[in-house]
C-alpha cells in the first residue's frame, strides 16, 4: 500500500468512526424521545404499565451514554482530530450528556405517573402536562434533526422555543398554585403534577443545549449562556 493509499484508508476509517458516533447519538436520541412521549402519555392516562416500560429503558440509556462517551474519548486519543472533526466530537460528548439527562427527567415523570395512578383522578394539571409535554418533545425532535443535518437555522428555532416553554411553565405553575390554595385536598397530587412539569421544563432546557451544540459545531462559536440577540449576531 502506497503512502497516499494508506492516508486515504486512514481518512476513510476516521470518517466512518465519526459517522458511527453521529449515528449512535441519533439512535439514543430517538430512544430518549420515545421515553418522554410515553412518560407523558402514562401520566395523563394513569397508565402504570406504560410508566414501568419507561423506567425499564433507563439502564439501556445509561449504557448507551457510557458507550458513546468511551467511543468519543478513544477517537480523540487515537486520531487527535482538529477543526470541525474535533468540534463534532466535543459537541457529541455534550449532546450525549444532555440526552442521558432527558432520560432521567422522563423517568421522574414516569415515577410521578405511578404515584398519581394509585390515587383518584386529579381535576387539574393534565392539560398543562399534555401541552408542555408535546412542546418539549417537538423541541427535542427538532434539535436532533438539526444535529443530524448540521442546520443552524433549525437549531436557532429550538432556542427560541425554549423561551416560550419557560413562559408556559410559569403560567401553569401559577394556575396550579392557585388551585391548591382554593382546594387544599389536592395539595399532594398537585405537587406531583408540578414536579412533572418541572421535569418537562428541564427537558426543554436540554433540547436547547443540544441546539446550542449544533451552532457550536457549525460556526465554531460557544453560544451557551447567551441571549437570543447575541446568538443572532
Protein backbone atom coordinates (compact mmCIF):
# COMPACT_ATOMS: atom_id res chain seq x y z
CA UNK A 1 0.00 0.00 0.00
CA UNK A 2 1.43 3.37 -1.02
CA UNK A 3 1.65 6.34 1.34
CA UNK A 4 -1.25 8.06 -0.45
CA UNK A 5 -3.37 4.90 -0.30
CA UNK A 6 -2.55 4.48 3.39
CA UNK A 7 -3.53 8.09 4.12
CA UNK A 8 -6.80 7.68 2.22
CA UNK A 9 -7.51 4.44 4.08
CA UNK A 10 -6.94 6.09 7.48
CA UNK A 11 -9.04 9.08 6.45
CA UNK A 12 -11.88 6.81 5.33
CA UNK A 13 -11.73 4.87 8.58
CA UNK A 14 -11.78 8.12 10.56
CA UNK A 15 -14.80 9.43 8.66
CA UNK A 16 -16.60 6.14 9.28
CA UNK A 17 -15.85 6.39 13.01
CA UNK A 18 -17.22 9.95 13.12
CA UNK A 19 -20.38 8.87 11.31
CA UNK A 20 -20.82 6.00 13.76
CA UNK A 21 -20.68 8.44 16.66
CA UNK A 22 -23.30 10.61 14.98
CA UNK A 23 -25.46 7.56 14.21
CA UNK A 24 -25.24 6.19 17.76
CA UNK A 25 -26.18 9.58 19.20
CA UNK A 26 -29.23 9.84 16.97
CA UNK A 27 -30.27 6.30 17.89
CA UNK A 28 -30.01 7.20 21.55
CA UNK A 29 -31.91 10.41 20.85
CA UNK A 30 -34.77 8.50 19.24
CA UNK A 31 -35.00 6.19 22.23
CA UNK A 32 -34.98 9.09 24.69
CA UNK A 33 -37.62 10.94 22.69
CA UNK A 34 -39.83 7.85 22.87
CA UNK A 35 -39.27 7.75 26.63
CA UNK A 36 -40.55 11.30 27.01
CA UNK A 37 -43.61 10.71 24.83
CA UNK A 38 -44.55 7.56 26.73
CA UNK A 39 -43.90 9.13 30.15
CA UNK A 40 -46.28 11.98 29.35
CA UNK A 41 -48.85 9.56 27.98
CA UNK A 42 -48.53 7.38 31.09
CA UNK A 43 -49.15 10.40 33.30
CA UNK A 44 -52.19 11.84 31.56
CA UNK A 45 -53.79 8.41 31.09
CA UNK A 46 -52.88 6.99 34.52
CA UNK A 47 -51.11 4.09 32.78
CA UNK A 48 -48.78 2.49 35.31
CA UNK A 49 -47.77 -0.30 32.93
CA UNK A 50 -46.52 2.20 30.36
CA UNK A 51 -44.71 4.11 33.10
CA UNK A 52 -42.91 0.90 34.10
CA UNK A 53 -41.88 0.44 30.46
CA UNK A 54 -40.32 3.90 30.53
CA UNK A 55 -38.40 3.06 33.70
CA UNK A 56 -37.18 -0.23 32.23
CA UNK A 57 -35.33 1.65 29.45
CA UNK A 58 -33.30 3.79 31.87
CA UNK A 59 -30.45 1.28 32.22
CA UNK A 60 -30.18 0.95 28.44
CA UNK A 61 -29.93 4.73 28.07
CA UNK A 62 -27.22 4.86 30.73
CA UNK A 63 -25.27 2.12 28.97
CA UNK A 64 -25.53 3.96 25.65
CA UNK A 65 -24.22 7.15 27.26
CA UNK A 66 -21.17 5.32 28.60
CA UNK A 67 -20.51 3.62 25.26
CA UNK A 68 -20.72 6.86 23.26
CA UNK A 69 -18.51 8.66 25.78
CA UNK A 70 -15.91 5.91 25.52
CA UNK A 71 -16.15 5.99 21.74
CA UNK A 72 -15.51 9.75 21.60
CA UNK A 73 -12.64 9.54 24.08
CA UNK A 74 -10.98 6.75 22.09
CA UNK A 75 -11.23 8.64 18.80
CA UNK A 76 -9.80 11.84 20.33
CA UNK A 77 -6.91 9.90 21.89
CA UNK A 78 -6.05 7.88 18.78
CA UNK A 79 -6.88 10.28 15.95
CA UNK A 80 -6.02 13.61 17.56
CA UNK A 81 -8.64 15.38 15.42
CA UNK A 82 -8.62 19.10 14.67
CA UNK A 83 -11.01 21.81 13.50
CA UNK A 84 -14.52 20.62 12.60
CA UNK A 85 -13.76 16.96 13.44
CA UNK A 86 -12.75 17.91 16.97
CA UNK A 87 -15.81 20.15 17.30
CA UNK A 88 -18.05 17.25 16.28
CA UNK A 89 -16.60 15.03 18.99
CA UNK A 90 -16.76 17.75 21.65
CA UNK A 91 -20.36 18.52 20.68
CA UNK A 92 -21.19 14.80 20.66
CA UNK A 93 -19.93 14.33 24.23
CA UNK A 94 -22.10 17.23 25.43
CA UNK A 95 -25.19 16.13 23.49
CA UNK A 96 -24.65 12.66 24.94
CA UNK A 97 -24.84 14.06 28.48
CA UNK A 98 -27.98 16.08 27.71
CA UNK A 99 -29.74 13.05 26.21
CA UNK A 100 -28.98 10.95 29.28
CA UNK A 101 -30.39 13.71 31.48
CA UNK A 102 -33.52 13.90 29.35
CA UNK A 103 -33.92 10.19 30.03
CA UNK A 104 -33.57 10.86 33.75
CA UNK A 105 -36.30 13.52 33.61
CA UNK A 106 -38.59 11.19 31.66
CA UNK A 107 -38.08 8.57 34.38
CA UNK A 108 -39.07 11.13 37.02
CA UNK A 109 -42.30 11.83 35.14
CA UNK A 110 -42.94 8.08 34.89
CA UNK A 111 -42.46 7.67 38.65
CA UNK A 112 -44.88 10.52 39.31
CA UNK A 113 -47.42 8.93 36.99
CA UNK A 114 -47.30 5.69 39.01
CA UNK A 115 -47.97 7.62 42.23
CA UNK A 116 -50.84 9.56 40.66
CA UNK A 117 -52.37 6.47 39.05
CA UNK A 118 -52.79 4.98 42.52
CA UNK A 119 -54.90 7.95 43.58
CA UNK A 120 -58.19 9.32 42.33
CA UNK A 121 -58.37 11.46 39.20
CA UNK A 122 -56.87 14.92 39.58
CA UNK A 123 -59.18 17.59 38.14
CA UNK A 124 -56.32 19.99 37.31
CA UNK A 125 -52.92 19.81 35.66
CA UNK A 126 -53.19 17.16 32.96
CA UNK A 127 -53.97 19.65 30.18
CA UNK A 128 -50.80 21.56 31.02
CA UNK A 129 -48.75 18.36 31.17
CA UNK A 130 -50.04 17.23 27.79
CA UNK A 131 -49.43 20.63 26.20
CA UNK A 132 -45.95 21.29 27.59
CA UNK A 133 -45.02 17.64 27.09
CA UNK A 134 -45.89 17.85 23.39
CA UNK A 135 -43.98 21.12 23.10
CA UNK A 136 -40.73 19.83 24.60
CA UNK A 137 -40.98 16.58 22.61
CA UNK A 138 -41.18 18.67 19.46
CA UNK A 139 -38.18 20.72 20.60
CA UNK A 140 -36.15 17.58 21.29
CA UNK A 141 -37.04 16.11 17.91
CA UNK A 142 -36.16 19.34 16.10
CA UNK A 143 -32.86 19.65 17.99
CA UNK A 144 -31.87 16.12 17.00
CA UNK A 145 -32.88 16.79 13.39
CA UNK A 146 -30.79 19.97 13.44
CA UNK A 147 -27.83 17.96 14.76
CA UNK A 148 -28.28 15.31 12.08
CA UNK A 149 -28.35 17.95 9.32
CA UNK A 150 -25.98 20.50 10.90
CA UNK A 151 -28.80 23.01 10.46
CA UNK A 152 -28.09 26.25 12.34
CA UNK A 153 -31.42 27.86 11.41
CA UNK A 154 -33.38 24.91 12.81
CA UNK A 155 -31.21 24.99 15.94
CA UNK A 156 -31.98 28.70 16.40
CA UNK A 157 -35.71 27.90 16.22
CA UNK A 158 -35.30 25.41 19.07
CA UNK A 159 -33.51 28.02 21.18
CA UNK A 160 -36.40 30.44 20.61
CA UNK A 161 -38.95 27.78 21.56
CA UNK A 162 -37.28 27.30 24.93
CA UNK A 163 -38.31 30.81 25.98
CA UNK A 164 -41.92 30.02 25.07
CA UNK A 165 -41.85 26.79 27.09
CA UNK A 166 -40.49 28.73 30.07
CA UNK A 167 -43.46 31.11 29.89
CA UNK A 168 -45.93 28.22 29.55
CA UNK A 169 -44.35 26.51 32.54
CA UNK A 170 -44.54 29.62 34.73
CA UNK A 171 -48.19 30.16 33.75
CA UNK A 172 -49.08 26.54 34.56
CA UNK A 173 -47.33 26.71 37.92
CA UNK A 174 -49.25 29.84 38.89
CA UNK A 175 -52.56 28.23 37.96
CA UNK A 176 -51.79 25.08 39.94
CA UNK A 177 -50.62 27.07 42.96
CA UNK A 178 -53.90 28.99 42.93
CA UNK A 179 -55.86 25.73 42.67
CA UNK A 180 -54.01 24.28 45.68
CA UNK A 181 -54.85 27.31 47.79
CA UNK A 182 -58.51 27.12 46.78
CA UNK A 183 -58.81 23.39 47.50
CA UNK A 184 -56.18 22.02 49.93
CA UNK A 185 -57.50 18.46 49.50
CA UNK A 186 -55.47 18.20 46.30
CA UNK A 187 -52.16 19.60 47.55
CA UNK A 188 -50.19 16.34 47.35
CA UNK A 189 -51.48 15.45 43.92
CA UNK A 190 -50.94 18.95 42.54
CA UNK A 191 -47.38 18.94 43.87
CA UNK A 192 -46.72 15.73 41.92
CA UNK A 193 -48.03 17.41 38.79
CA UNK A 194 -45.80 20.40 39.49
CA UNK A 195 -42.75 18.15 39.81
CA UNK A 196 -43.68 16.52 36.50
CA UNK A 197 -43.99 19.91 34.83
CA UNK A 198 -40.60 20.86 36.25
CA UNK A 199 -39.07 17.77 34.63
CA UNK A 200 -40.68 18.65 31.30
CA UNK A 201 -39.37 22.22 31.52
CA UNK A 202 -35.88 20.83 32.11
CA UNK A 203 -36.24 18.61 29.04
CA UNK A 204 -36.85 21.81 27.08
CA UNK A 205 -33.62 23.20 28.56
CA UNK A 206 -31.71 20.12 27.44
CA UNK A 207 -33.19 20.40 23.94
CA UNK A 208 -31.91 23.98 23.85
CA UNK A 209 -28.48 22.77 24.97
CA UNK A 210 -28.40 20.31 22.08
CA UNK A 211 -29.38 23.08 19.66
CA UNK A 212 -26.58 25.27 21.02
CA UNK A 213 -24.11 22.47 20.32
CA UNK A 214 -25.29 22.44 16.70
CA UNK A 215 -24.44 26.14 16.45
CA UNK A 216 -21.03 25.45 18.00
CA UNK A 217 -20.45 22.55 15.62
CA UNK A 218 -21.21 24.59 12.50
CA UNK A 219 -19.95 28.04 13.48
CA UNK A 220 -17.21 27.10 15.91
CA UNK A 221 -18.64 29.54 18.46
CA UNK A 222 -19.67 28.67 22.01
CA UNK A 223 -23.11 30.26 22.45
CA UNK A 224 -24.05 28.88 25.86
CA UNK A 225 -25.47 31.38 28.35
CA UNK A 226 -26.09 33.97 25.62
CA UNK A 227 -29.30 35.82 24.83
CA UNK A 228 -31.26 35.32 21.62
CA UNK A 229 -29.99 38.67 20.32
CA UNK A 230 -26.41 37.62 20.92
CA UNK A 231 -26.98 34.31 19.12
CA UNK A 232 -28.24 36.16 16.05
CA UNK A 233 -25.08 38.25 15.75
